[in-house]
N, C-alpha and C. Protein backbone atom coordinates (compact mmCIF):
# COMPACT_ATOMS: atom_id res chain seq x y z
N MET A 1 2.99 -9.32 -9.70
CA MET A 1 2.30 -8.68 -9.07
C MET A 1 1.40 -9.09 -7.94
N SER A 2 0.87 -7.97 -7.16
CA SER A 2 0.27 -8.26 -5.70
C SER A 2 -0.22 -6.97 -5.92
N GLY A 3 -1.38 -7.48 -4.49
CA GLY A 3 -2.52 -6.36 -4.31
C GLY A 3 -3.75 -6.26 -5.45
N ASP A 4 -3.85 -7.71 -6.11
CA ASP A 4 -4.69 -7.75 -6.71
C ASP A 4 -4.39 -7.15 -8.66
N GLY A 5 -3.27 -7.24 -8.43
CA GLY A 5 -2.93 -6.97 -9.90
C GLY A 5 -2.49 -5.30 -10.05
N MET A 6 -3.06 -4.70 -9.15
CA MET A 6 -2.32 -3.19 -9.43
C MET A 6 -0.85 -2.89 -9.30
N PHE A 7 -0.43 -3.51 -8.42
CA PHE A 7 1.16 -2.95 -8.17
C PHE A 7 2.34 -3.93 -8.33
N HIS A 8 3.38 -3.79 -8.50
CA HIS A 8 3.89 -5.09 -8.61
C HIS A 8 5.18 -4.61 -7.27
N GLN A 9 5.79 -5.22 -6.85
CA GLN A 9 7.05 -5.17 -5.75
C GLN A 9 7.52 -4.11 -6.15
N GLY A 10 8.22 -3.31 -4.93
CA GLY A 10 9.20 -2.05 -5.12
C GLY A 10 8.81 -0.83 -6.54
N GLN A 11 7.33 -0.99 -6.51
CA GLN A 11 6.86 0.18 -7.38
C GLN A 11 6.34 1.26 -6.37
N ARG A 12 6.99 2.47 -6.61
CA ARG A 12 6.26 3.86 -6.16
C ARG A 12 5.42 4.32 -5.91
N VAL A 13 4.07 4.28 -5.07
CA VAL A 13 3.25 4.46 -4.79
C VAL A 13 2.96 5.45 -3.83
N TRP A 14 1.73 6.59 -3.52
CA TRP A 14 1.61 7.55 -2.73
C TRP A 14 0.17 6.59 -2.36
N VAL A 15 0.28 6.68 -0.34
CA VAL A 15 -0.79 6.70 0.20
C VAL A 15 -1.21 7.65 0.66
N HIS A 16 -2.54 7.63 0.26
CA HIS A 16 -3.11 8.69 0.91
C HIS A 16 -3.69 9.04 2.12
N GLY A 17 -3.69 9.78 3.05
CA GLY A 17 -4.29 9.80 4.24
C GLY A 17 -5.28 10.10 5.16
N PRO A 18 -6.40 10.16 5.87
CA PRO A 18 -7.35 10.19 5.98
C PRO A 18 -7.68 11.91 6.13
N ASP A 19 -6.75 12.96 6.02
CA ASP A 19 -7.02 14.32 5.92
C ASP A 19 -6.17 14.70 4.38
N GLY A 20 -6.37 14.04 3.66
CA GLY A 20 -6.24 14.16 2.14
C GLY A 20 -5.02 14.11 1.34
N ALA A 21 -3.79 14.33 2.31
CA ALA A 21 -2.43 14.26 2.48
C ALA A 21 -2.17 13.26 1.54
N ALA A 22 -0.89 12.97 0.99
CA ALA A 22 -0.52 11.83 0.11
C ALA A 22 0.99 11.93 0.78
N ARG A 23 1.49 10.49 0.65
CA ARG A 23 3.03 10.78 1.22
C ARG A 23 3.52 9.61 0.26
N GLU A 24 4.88 9.43 -0.19
CA GLU A 24 5.18 9.04 -0.76
C GLU A 24 5.73 7.80 -0.13
N ALA A 25 6.03 6.49 -1.29
CA ALA A 25 5.96 5.06 -0.16
C ALA A 25 6.40 3.96 -1.39
N ILE A 26 7.17 3.05 -0.89
CA ILE A 26 7.58 2.00 -2.32
C ILE A 26 6.82 0.67 -1.47
N PHE A 27 5.66 0.24 -2.12
CA PHE A 27 4.52 -0.82 -2.61
C PHE A 27 5.58 -2.38 -2.35
N VAL A 28 5.69 -2.71 -1.18
CA VAL A 28 6.27 -4.29 -1.17
C VAL A 28 5.29 -5.52 -1.04
N GLY A 29 3.59 -5.04 -0.75
CA GLY A 29 3.24 -6.69 -1.11
C GLY A 29 1.97 -6.48 -0.67
N GLY A 30 0.94 -7.30 -1.00
CA GLY A 30 -0.59 -7.30 -0.39
C GLY A 30 -0.83 -8.03 0.38
N GLY A 31 -1.64 -7.67 1.48
CA GLY A 31 -2.02 -8.58 2.57
C GLY A 31 -3.32 -9.35 2.30
N ASP A 32 -3.27 -10.83 1.47
CA ASP A 32 -4.46 -11.02 1.63
C ASP A 32 -4.92 -11.86 2.30
N ASN A 33 -4.23 -12.04 3.44
CA ASN A 33 -5.01 -12.95 4.87
C ASN A 33 -6.78 -11.59 5.27
N ALA A 34 -6.32 -10.51 5.09
CA ALA A 34 -7.19 -9.73 5.71
C ALA A 34 -8.28 -9.85 4.86
N THR A 35 -8.64 -10.07 3.19
CA THR A 35 -9.87 -10.34 3.04
C THR A 35 -10.66 -11.85 3.23
N PHE A 36 -9.87 -12.84 3.08
CA PHE A 36 -9.73 -14.21 3.53
C PHE A 36 -10.72 -13.97 5.25
N PHE A 37 -10.53 -12.84 5.56
CA PHE A 37 -10.73 -12.78 7.10
C PHE A 37 -12.16 -12.31 7.44
N GLY A 38 -12.77 -11.51 5.87
CA GLY A 38 -13.71 -10.44 5.57
C GLY A 38 -13.28 -9.07 5.85
N GLY A 39 -12.00 -9.22 5.79
CA GLY A 39 -11.55 -7.20 6.05
C GLY A 39 -11.57 -6.71 4.73
N PRO A 40 -11.16 -5.57 4.66
CA PRO A 40 -10.60 -4.93 3.43
C PRO A 40 -9.30 -5.30 2.81
N PRO A 41 -9.13 -5.46 1.59
CA PRO A 41 -7.64 -5.89 0.74
C PRO A 41 -6.80 -5.11 1.86
N LEU A 42 -5.37 -5.21 2.12
CA LEU A 42 -4.56 -4.23 2.60
C LEU A 42 -3.28 -4.56 1.48
N ALA A 43 -2.37 -3.67 2.00
CA ALA A 43 -1.28 -3.46 1.05
C ALA A 43 0.19 -2.80 2.18
N TYR A 44 1.54 -3.86 2.30
CA TYR A 44 2.23 -3.57 2.82
C TYR A 44 2.94 -2.82 1.87
N VAL A 45 3.25 -1.25 2.77
CA VAL A 45 4.51 -0.07 2.32
C VAL A 45 5.73 -0.20 3.17
N VAL A 46 6.35 0.67 2.74
CA VAL A 46 7.59 0.95 2.75
C VAL A 46 7.42 2.47 2.60
N PHE A 47 8.00 3.57 3.63
CA PHE A 47 8.28 4.81 4.05
C PHE A 47 9.25 5.37 3.23
N PRO A 48 10.24 5.69 2.31
CA PRO A 48 11.67 5.85 2.19
C PRO A 48 11.93 6.76 3.38
N ASP A 49 11.51 8.19 3.46
CA ASP A 49 12.06 8.94 4.34
C ASP A 49 12.55 8.59 6.06
N THR A 50 11.31 7.57 6.07
CA THR A 50 11.57 6.95 7.58
C THR A 50 12.09 5.34 7.87
N ARG A 51 11.91 4.65 6.48
CA ARG A 51 12.32 3.25 6.57
C ARG A 51 11.27 2.48 7.31
N GLU A 52 10.13 2.98 7.46
CA GLU A 52 8.86 2.46 8.48
C GLU A 52 8.18 1.52 7.77
N GLY A 53 8.21 0.41 8.13
CA GLY A 53 6.95 -0.41 7.39
C GLY A 53 5.39 -0.44 7.76
N VAL A 54 4.42 -0.19 7.32
CA VAL A 54 3.32 -0.16 7.74
C VAL A 54 2.31 -1.14 6.66
N GLU A 55 0.86 -1.38 7.16
CA GLU A 55 0.13 -2.34 6.53
C GLU A 55 -0.92 -1.23 6.74
N ILE A 56 -1.86 -1.64 5.09
CA ILE A 56 -2.78 -0.17 4.87
C ILE A 56 -3.55 -0.76 3.92
N GLU A 57 -4.93 0.12 3.86
CA GLU A 57 -5.80 -0.50 3.32
C GLU A 57 -5.51 -0.03 1.87
N LEU A 58 -5.56 -0.93 0.95
CA LEU A 58 -5.12 -1.23 -0.30
C LEU A 58 -6.13 0.18 -1.23
N ASP A 59 -7.14 0.98 -0.86
CA ASP A 59 -7.79 1.32 -1.65
C ASP A 59 -7.33 2.98 -1.45
N ARG A 60 -6.34 3.24 -0.24
CA ARG A 60 -5.81 4.29 0.27
C ARG A 60 -4.16 4.79 -0.54
N VAL A 61 -4.25 3.41 -1.03
CA VAL A 61 -2.82 3.72 -2.15
C VAL A 61 -2.81 3.64 -3.55
N THR A 62 -2.73 4.33 -3.85
CA THR A 62 -2.25 4.77 -5.90
C THR A 62 -0.79 4.91 -6.38
N ALA A 63 -0.69 4.39 -7.74
CA ALA A 63 0.70 4.08 -8.73
C ALA A 63 0.99 5.78 -8.53
N ARG A 64 2.33 6.08 -8.53
CA ARG A 64 3.22 7.62 -8.68
C ARG A 64 3.46 7.21 -10.07
N ASP A 65 3.56 8.39 -11.10
CA ASP A 65 4.48 7.90 -12.57
C ASP A 65 5.88 8.37 -12.02
């Protein structure tokens, strides 16, 4: 488990945008360095439709059923 135990690698998740829209993604891992340097917890996700990988604030990610 990564992301403070909230998600596991390969888990299907939603990424919530600033406009309230949710986009499907796959959780890849947590970004522990950001917290160490005083930033917010981060997650790494991949969007299956574009195969684009991004680093995003963990609080914008929720699990999909």
